[in-house]
Amino acid sequence: MVDLRIEGVFIRLGEFDLRDISLTIEAGEYFCILGPTGAGKSVLIECIAGLLRPDRGRIFLGDQDVTPLTPEQRNIGYVPQDYALFPHMSVRRNIGFGLRVRRLPQKEIDKRVGQLAELLHIEPILEREPLHLSGGEKQRVALARALAVQPPVLLLDEPLAAVDEQTRDRLCADLRDIQRRAGVTVIHISHNFEETLAVADRIGVMNAGRMVQVGTRRQIFSAPATRFVAQFTRSENILPLAGSPRLLPDGRVRLPLDTGDEILAAPSEPLPNTPALAVVRPEAVRITPQNGEGTPKGLIPATLTRITERGHLLRLEARTDAGTSFVSLELRRDALLAGFQVGDRVHLHVPPEDVHLIPSEKDTGG
């Protein structure tokens, strides 16, 4: 396995610019590139694959500068969104295509195809043609074909976009297992945050042709660098500040919100010079019924304004007396036991350790 290094890659395609991307992906890493449609994710991996030539910048595979090389010379595995299977070839022949191009002996081709069919659990469909395969089966065949040439790096362009949610959940687990057993570095692009959380070692978030944040799953989930990252990763509580934070004797920080409410933060890192936003994930906000005995210290009085179902969770919206809107995700069972209804008076608890601050100089929407 080798690492992959991108240095200052820029490319202009019509009115779209992929802007000075620099990134190192470690050998054996499962790296996800996350972003909305039009962010430049596919453009970036097509540059890595050699399908597009950047206007400037370089791409290294290990110590080798592969920027001037053709896709065939790079030996990078690539699975496009539509899988690009040959419709009139059997699964067996699709998997072995790259090996035949390389003129390997038929015995070696048969052996490699058999190994990959076993790895991907597709032995029963080897004689079928792609027209008679499900979305999940097509994806596995495309993976097998890409892995057949034993590439050091495998590029997956929205590999789970065409499968249903249940199949996607199963394939997420399978992809990690396949990656480990095949011993390959994977770059997987997606617009689905939950999907990237399920598979990635690290995540790079792209928007408008720029890489706006790179970090572990926990860093992206809990410490978004910009308003865009917070919104895209469903940190629904994005709260503008009205003034400077005030440091308390116990090390916590009091944050004045633009509505007049105040919340506490317990930052694990030094405060940014000019914090502009407090971000709290909805999973962190706790809502409890008021019991008529006043508001205990550390809680905020509010009124439930909306309740919507989200699978095994209930999404609760509440507005404080000062006008701050909060969103909480509660386990459906717990919320039903509490008997919540729209209009109920409730208390909000915002754990200080779950409050993340975004500095104003980074709050550019990108």
Protein backbone atom coordinates (compact mmCIF):
# COMPACT_ATOMS: atom_id res chain seq x y z
CA MET A 1 0.00 0.00 0.00
CA VAL A 2 1.14 3.55 -0.72
CA ASP A 3 -0.03 6.99 0.29
CA LEU A 4 -1.51 9.49 -2.14
CA ARG A 5 -0.52 13.15 -2.05
CA ILE A 6 -2.25 16.03 -3.80
CA GLU A 7 -0.33 19.31 -4.00
CA GLY A 8 -2.07 22.53 -5.05
CA VAL A 9 -4.30 20.99 -7.70
CA PHE A 10 -6.28 23.58 -9.68
CA ILE A 11 -8.46 23.01 -12.73
CA ARG A 12 -10.94 25.26 -14.52
CA LEU A 13 -13.88 23.63 -16.29
CA GLY A 14 -16.10 26.30 -17.84
CA GLU A 15 -17.27 28.46 -14.95
CA PHE A 16 -16.24 25.92 -12.30
CA ASP A 17 -12.87 26.01 -10.54
CA LEU A 18 -11.36 23.25 -8.44
CA ARG A 19 -9.29 25.53 -6.24
CA ASP A 20 -5.83 24.62 -5.01
CA ILE A 21 -6.59 21.29 -3.34
CA SER A 22 -3.78 19.96 -1.13
CA LEU A 23 -4.32 16.70 0.70
CA THR A 24 -2.44 13.62 1.91
CA ILE A 25 -4.26 10.28 2.16
CA GLU A 26 -2.33 7.71 4.15
CA ALA A 27 -1.58 4.20 2.92
CA GLY A 28 -4.40 1.86 3.90
CA GLU A 29 -6.74 4.70 4.84
CA TYR A 30 -10.43 4.76 4.01
CA PHE A 31 -10.92 8.42 3.12
CA CYS A 32 -14.30 9.93 2.26
CA ILE A 33 -14.88 13.15 0.34
CA LEU A 34 -18.22 14.62 1.40
CA GLY A 35 -20.12 17.46 -0.20
CA PRO A 36 -23.22 18.52 -2.12
CA THR A 37 -23.79 18.08 -5.83
CA GLY A 38 -21.53 20.48 -7.72
CA ALA A 39 -18.92 20.72 -4.96
CA GLY A 40 -16.19 19.27 -7.19
CA LYS A 41 -15.90 15.80 -5.66
CA SER A 42 -16.08 13.91 -8.96
CA VAL A 43 -13.76 16.41 -10.65
CA LEU A 44 -11.16 15.79 -7.95
CA ILE A 45 -11.20 12.01 -8.22
CA GLU A 46 -11.16 12.21 -12.02
CA CYS A 47 -7.95 14.23 -11.65
CA ILE A 48 -6.60 11.51 -9.35
CA ALA A 49 -7.63 8.80 -11.82
CA GLY A 50 -6.00 10.63 -14.73
CA LEU A 51 -9.25 11.25 -16.60
CA LEU A 52 -8.72 15.01 -16.18
CA ARG A 53 -5.38 16.84 -16.27
CA PRO A 54 -5.11 19.69 -13.72
CA ASP A 55 -4.08 23.13 -14.97
CA ARG A 56 -1.55 23.27 -12.17
CA GLY A 57 -0.51 21.21 -9.17
CA ARG A 58 0.79 17.67 -8.83
CA ILE A 59 -0.45 14.26 -7.73
CA PHE A 60 1.89 11.71 -6.15
CA LEU A 61 1.37 8.00 -5.63
CA GLY A 62 3.98 7.19 -3.03
CA ASP A 63 7.11 8.96 -4.26
CA GLN A 64 6.05 8.87 -7.93
CA ASP A 65 4.64 11.98 -9.60
CA VAL A 66 1.76 10.52 -11.62
CA THR A 67 0.42 13.86 -12.89
CA PRO A 68 1.64 13.34 -16.49
CA LEU A 69 0.66 9.65 -16.62
CA THR A 70 -2.39 8.21 -18.39
CA PRO A 71 -5.07 6.37 -16.37
CA GLU A 72 -3.64 3.02 -17.51
CA GLN A 73 -0.13 3.97 -16.41
CA ARG A 74 -1.34 5.01 -12.94
CA ASN A 75 -2.93 1.61 -12.16
CA ILE A 76 -5.55 3.24 -9.93
CA GLY A 77 -8.85 1.39 -9.53
CA TYR A 78 -11.92 3.46 -10.37
CA VAL A 79 -15.63 2.68 -9.94
CA PRO A 80 -17.78 5.42 -11.56
CA GLN A 81 -21.30 6.26 -10.42
CA ASP A 82 -22.97 4.21 -13.16
CA TYR A 83 -20.53 1.28 -12.61
CA ALA A 84 -19.80 1.21 -16.40
CA LEU A 85 -20.18 -2.57 -16.68
CA PHE A 86 -20.08 -4.07 -20.16
CA PRO A 87 -23.73 -5.05 -20.74
CA HIS A 88 -23.12 -8.00 -23.08
CA MET A 89 -20.32 -9.59 -21.07
CA SER A 90 -20.96 -12.01 -18.23
CA VAL A 91 -20.00 -11.02 -14.71
CA ARG A 92 -17.01 -13.35 -15.00
CA ARG A 93 -15.77 -11.63 -18.16
CA ASN A 94 -16.43 -8.16 -16.74
CA ILE A 95 -14.25 -8.91 -13.72
CA GLY A 96 -11.48 -10.35 -15.84
CA PHE A 97 -11.48 -7.58 -18.45
CA GLY A 98 -8.51 -5.62 -17.11
CA LEU A 99 -6.51 -8.80 -16.67
CA ARG A 100 -7.11 -9.79 -20.30
CA VAL A 101 -5.99 -6.33 -21.42
CA ARG A 102 -2.77 -6.95 -19.48
CA ARG A 103 -2.45 -10.32 -21.26
CA LEU A 104 -2.28 -12.43 -18.12
CA PRO A 105 -2.49 -16.20 -18.62
CA GLN A 106 -6.06 -17.49 -18.55
CA LYS A 107 -5.26 -19.70 -15.57
CA GLU A 108 -4.18 -16.64 -13.58
CA ILE A 109 -7.27 -14.71 -14.70
CA ASP A 110 -9.57 -17.54 -13.60
CA LYS A 111 -7.83 -17.74 -10.24
CA ARG A 112 -8.08 -13.99 -9.60
CA VAL A 113 -11.74 -13.84 -10.67
CA GLY A 114 -12.56 -16.75 -8.37
CA GLN A 115 -10.82 -15.11 -5.41
CA LEU A 116 -12.67 -11.83 -5.93
CA ALA A 117 -16.01 -13.57 -6.44
CA GLU A 118 -15.51 -15.28 -3.09
CA LEU A 119 -14.41 -12.05 -1.39
CA LEU A 120 -17.46 -10.17 -2.66
CA HIS A 121 -19.93 -13.08 -2.33
CA ILE A 122 -20.89 -13.07 -6.01
CA GLU A 123 -20.01 -16.66 -7.01
CA PRO A 124 -23.66 -17.52 -7.90
CA ILE A 125 -23.94 -14.69 -10.45
CA LEU A 126 -20.68 -15.14 -12.38
CA GLU A 127 -22.45 -16.29 -15.56
CA ARG A 128 -25.15 -13.61 -15.54
CA GLU A 129 -25.08 -10.41 -17.58
CA PRO A 130 -25.35 -6.97 -15.91
CA LEU A 131 -28.88 -6.39 -17.23
CA HIS A 132 -30.10 -9.12 -14.88
CA LEU A 133 -28.38 -7.82 -11.73
CA SER A 134 -29.70 -5.75 -8.84
CA GLY A 135 -28.08 -2.45 -7.88
CA GLY A 136 -26.17 -4.07 -5.05
CA GLU A 137 -24.95 -6.89 -7.30
CA LYS A 138 -23.78 -4.43 -9.96
CA GLN A 139 -21.85 -2.53 -7.33
CA ARG A 140 -20.07 -5.67 -6.16
CA VAL A 141 -19.18 -6.66 -9.73
CA ALA A 142 -17.79 -3.18 -10.42
CA LEU A 143 -15.72 -3.41 -7.23
CA ALA A 144 -14.40 -6.82 -8.23
CA ARG A 145 -13.42 -5.55 -11.69
CA ALA A 146 -11.60 -2.56 -10.19
CA LEU A 147 -9.78 -4.73 -7.64
CA ALA A 148 -8.80 -7.40 -10.17
CA VAL A 149 -5.74 -5.46 -11.36
CA GLN A 150 -4.58 -5.11 -7.72
CA PRO A 151 -4.45 -1.31 -7.61
CA PRO A 152 -2.78 0.42 -4.64
CA VAL A 153 -5.61 3.00 -4.58
CA LEU A 154 -9.32 2.49 -5.26
CA LEU A 155 -11.60 5.43 -6.18
CA LEU A 156 -15.34 5.06 -5.53
CA ASP A 157 -17.61 7.74 -7.05
CA GLU A 158 -20.91 7.73 -5.11
CA PRO A 159 -20.81 3.91 -4.92
CA LEU A 160 -24.02 3.59 -2.88
CA ALA A 161 -26.16 6.25 -4.56
CA ALA A 162 -28.17 3.74 -6.60
CA VAL A 163 -29.06 1.29 -3.81
CA ASP A 164 -31.86 1.40 -1.24
CA GLU A 165 -31.23 2.36 2.38
CA GLN A 166 -31.23 -1.19 3.73
CA THR A 167 -28.78 -2.36 1.06
CA ARG A 168 -26.63 0.73 1.66
CA ASP A 169 -26.30 -0.02 5.36
CA ARG A 170 -25.17 -3.58 4.63
CA LEU A 171 -22.77 -2.51 1.88
CA CYS A 172 -21.16 0.11 4.13
CA ALA A 173 -20.04 -2.66 6.46
CA ASP A 174 -18.99 -4.81 3.52
CA LEU A 175 -16.91 -2.02 1.96
CA ARG A 176 -14.76 -1.66 5.07
CA ASP A 177 -14.27 -5.42 5.28
CA ILE A 178 -13.37 -5.65 1.58
CA GLN A 179 -10.94 -2.74 1.91
CA ARG A 180 -9.09 -4.34 4.82
CA ARG A 181 -8.92 -7.77 3.19
CA ALA A 182 -7.84 -6.38 -0.19
CA GLY A 183 -5.20 -4.16 1.43
CA VAL A 184 -6.06 -1.08 -0.63
CA THR A 185 -6.28 2.65 0.05
CA VAL A 186 -9.83 3.86 -0.67
CA ILE A 187 -11.13 7.30 -1.65
CA HIS A 188 -14.93 7.24 -1.51
CA ILE A 189 -17.03 10.26 -2.46
CA SER A 190 -20.55 10.83 -1.22
CA HIS A 191 -23.18 13.48 -0.52
CA ASN A 192 -24.54 11.39 2.39
CA PHE A 193 -23.08 12.27 5.79
CA GLU A 194 -24.42 9.16 7.54
CA GLU A 195 -22.80 6.99 4.87
CA THR A 196 -19.39 8.59 5.40
CA LEU A 197 -19.70 8.20 9.18
CA ALA A 198 -20.23 4.47 8.66
CA VAL A 199 -17.09 3.84 6.60
CA ALA A 200 -14.49 6.63 6.86
CA ASP A 201 -11.28 6.85 8.84
CA ARG A 202 -11.18 10.53 7.89
CA ILE A 203 -13.49 12.84 5.96
CA GLY A 204 -12.74 15.80 3.70
CA VAL A 205 -15.67 18.20 3.24
CA MET A 206 -15.87 20.03 -0.09
CA ASN A 207 -17.94 23.01 -1.17
CA ALA A 208 -17.76 25.17 -4.30
CA GLY A 209 -14.50 23.64 -5.47
CA ARG A 210 -12.69 23.98 -2.15
CA MET A 211 -11.73 21.53 0.56
CA VAL A 212 -13.16 23.36 3.58
CA GLN A 213 -12.33 20.88 6.35
CA VAL A 214 -10.45 17.60 6.77
CA GLY A 215 -10.68 15.59 9.96
CA THR A 216 -11.69 12.40 11.71
CA ARG A 217 -15.33 11.43 11.85
CA ARG A 218 -15.55 12.83 15.37
CA GLN A 219 -13.94 16.13 14.38
CA ILE A 220 -16.29 16.68 11.47
CA PHE A 221 -19.30 15.58 13.54
CA SER A 222 -18.56 17.54 16.71
CA ALA A 223 -16.29 20.41 15.64
CA PRO A 224 -17.35 21.82 12.24
CA ALA A 225 -14.99 24.51 10.98
CA THR A 226 -17.58 26.63 9.15
CA ARG A 227 -21.30 27.31 9.06
CA PHE A 228 -21.50 25.29 5.83
CA VAL A 229 -19.94 22.20 7.43
CA ALA A 230 -22.24 22.54 10.45
CA GLN A 231 -25.32 22.77 8.24
CA PHE A 232 -24.30 19.99 5.87
CA THR A 233 -23.60 17.60 8.75
CA ARG A 234 -26.97 18.40 10.36
CA SER A 235 -25.80 20.42 13.33
CA GLU A 236 -29.21 22.07 13.40
CA ASN A 237 -28.54 24.41 16.32
CA ILE A 238 -26.40 27.20 14.84
CA LEU A 239 -26.68 30.15 17.19
CA PRO A 240 -25.31 33.66 16.44
CA LEU A 241 -23.51 35.36 19.32
CA ALA A 242 -24.31 38.94 20.34
CA GLY A 243 -21.07 39.79 22.12
CA SER A 244 -17.82 38.50 23.52
CA PRO A 245 -17.76 35.29 25.58
CA ARG A 246 -17.14 35.76 29.31
CA LEU A 247 -14.73 33.40 31.07
CA LEU A 248 -16.02 32.06 34.39
CA PRO A 249 -13.89 31.05 37.41
CA ASP A 250 -14.58 27.34 36.80
CA GLY A 251 -13.10 27.53 33.28
CA ARG A 252 -16.41 27.50 31.47
CA VAL A 253 -17.48 30.32 29.17
CA ARG A 254 -20.75 32.23 29.19
CA LEU A 255 -22.03 32.92 25.67
CA PRO A 256 -24.53 35.74 24.98
CA LEU A 257 -26.85 34.82 22.10
CA ASP A 258 -28.36 37.42 19.78
CA THR A 259 -31.83 36.71 21.23
CA GLY A 260 -30.78 37.63 24.76
CA ASP A 261 -30.47 34.03 25.97
CA GLU A 262 -27.19 32.78 27.41
CA ILE A 263 -25.64 29.33 27.27
CA LEU A 264 -22.45 27.90 28.72
CA ALA A 265 -19.57 26.31 26.86
CA ALA A 266 -16.69 24.19 28.15
CA PRO A 267 -14.24 24.40 25.23
CA SER A 268 -11.49 21.80 25.10
CA GLU A 269 -9.37 24.09 22.91
CA PRO A 270 -8.45 27.80 23.19
CA LEU A 271 -11.28 30.14 22.22
CA PRO A 272 -11.13 31.61 18.72
CA ASN A 273 -10.26 35.32 18.67
CA THR A 274 -13.64 36.41 17.34
CA PRO A 275 -16.22 33.65 17.83
CA ALA A 276 -19.38 34.36 15.85
CA LEU A 277 -21.46 31.19 16.17
CA ALA A 278 -22.18 28.56 18.78
CA VAL A 279 -22.99 25.14 17.30
CA VAL A 280 -24.77 22.36 19.19
CA ARG A 281 -25.76 19.04 17.67
CA PRO A 282 -29.44 18.15 18.14
CA GLU A 283 -28.45 14.84 19.73
CA ALA A 284 -26.87 16.81 22.59
CA VAL A 285 -29.88 18.97 23.50
CA ARG A 286 -32.08 17.41 26.17
CA ILE A 287 -35.73 18.34 26.69
CA THR A 288 -37.68 17.56 29.86
CA PRO A 289 -41.21 18.51 30.94
CA GLN A 290 -41.60 21.43 33.34
CA ASN A 291 -42.89 20.38 36.73
CA GLY A 292 -44.24 23.74 37.87
CA GLU A 293 -41.54 24.33 40.48
CA GLY A 294 -39.54 27.00 38.67
CA THR A 295 -36.51 26.61 36.44
CA PRO A 296 -33.55 24.73 37.95
CA LYS A 297 -30.11 26.23 37.48
CA GLY A 298 -28.58 25.38 34.10
CA LEU A 299 -31.91 24.80 32.34
CA ILE A 300 -33.72 27.10 29.91
CA PRO A 301 -37.53 27.44 29.91
CA ALA A 302 -39.12 26.94 26.49
CA THR A 303 -42.25 25.88 24.61
CA LEU A 304 -42.48 22.92 22.24
CA THR A 305 -43.38 24.20 18.77
CA ARG A 306 -43.09 21.12 16.54
CA ILE A 307 -42.72 17.35 16.79
CA THR A 308 -41.79 15.26 13.73
CA GLU A 309 -40.91 11.60 13.35
CA ARG A 310 -37.48 10.54 12.11
CA GLY A 311 -37.38 6.75 12.21
CA HIS A 312 -36.63 5.59 15.76
CA LEU A 313 -36.12 9.22 16.79
CA LEU A 314 -38.45 12.15 17.35
CA ARG A 315 -37.29 15.59 16.26
CA LEU A 316 -38.47 18.17 18.79
CA GLU A 317 -38.38 21.91 18.13
CA ALA A 318 -38.66 24.31 21.03
CA ARG A 319 -38.53 28.09 21.36
CA THR A 320 -37.21 29.76 24.49
CA ASP A 321 -39.03 32.66 26.13
CA ALA A 322 -36.43 35.00 24.61
CA GLY A 323 -37.00 33.58 21.13
CA THR A 324 -34.08 31.18 20.58
CA SER A 325 -35.07 28.09 18.58
CA PHE A 326 -33.50 24.75 19.53
CA VAL A 327 -33.80 21.33 17.91
CA SER A 328 -33.45 18.10 19.87
CA LEU A 329 -33.38 14.51 18.68
CA GLU A 330 -34.85 12.19 21.30
CA LEU A 331 -35.30 8.44 21.24
CA ARG A 332 -38.87 7.81 20.16
CA ARG A 333 -39.50 5.57 23.17
CA ASP A 334 -38.28 8.18 25.68
CA ALA A 335 -40.20 11.01 24.02
CA LEU A 336 -43.42 8.99 23.96
CA LEU A 337 -42.99 8.08 27.63
CA ALA A 338 -42.62 11.79 28.43
CA GLY A 339 -45.90 12.43 26.61
CA PHE A 340 -44.65 15.49 24.73
CA GLN A 341 -47.20 17.55 22.79
CA VAL A 342 -46.90 20.77 20.82
CA GLY A 343 -47.49 23.70 23.16
CA ASP A 344 -46.03 21.96 26.24
CA ARG A 345 -43.83 24.01 28.54
CA VAL A 346 -40.43 22.31 28.81
CA HIS A 347 -36.89 22.79 30.05
CA LEU A 348 -33.86 22.64 27.76
CA HIS A 349 -30.45 21.40 28.84
CA VAL A 350 -27.51 22.30 26.60
CA PRO A 351 -24.39 20.48 27.89
CA PRO A 352 -21.48 22.97 27.90
CA GLU A 353 -19.05 20.31 26.65
CA ASP A 354 -21.19 19.90 23.51
CA VAL A 355 -21.09 23.58 22.52
CA HIS A 356 -18.63 24.29 19.70
CA LEU A 357 -17.56 27.80 18.64
CA ILE A 358 -16.92 28.87 15.05
CA PRO A 359 -14.75 31.96 14.52
CA SER A 360 -16.05 34.78 12.35
CA GLU A 361 -13.16 34.71 9.89
CA LYS A 362 -14.17 31.17 8.91
CA ASP A 363 -17.90 31.85 8.77
CA THR A 364 -17.93 32.36 5.02
CA GLY A 365 -20.52 29.75 4.09
CA GLY A 366 -17.87 27.58 2.50
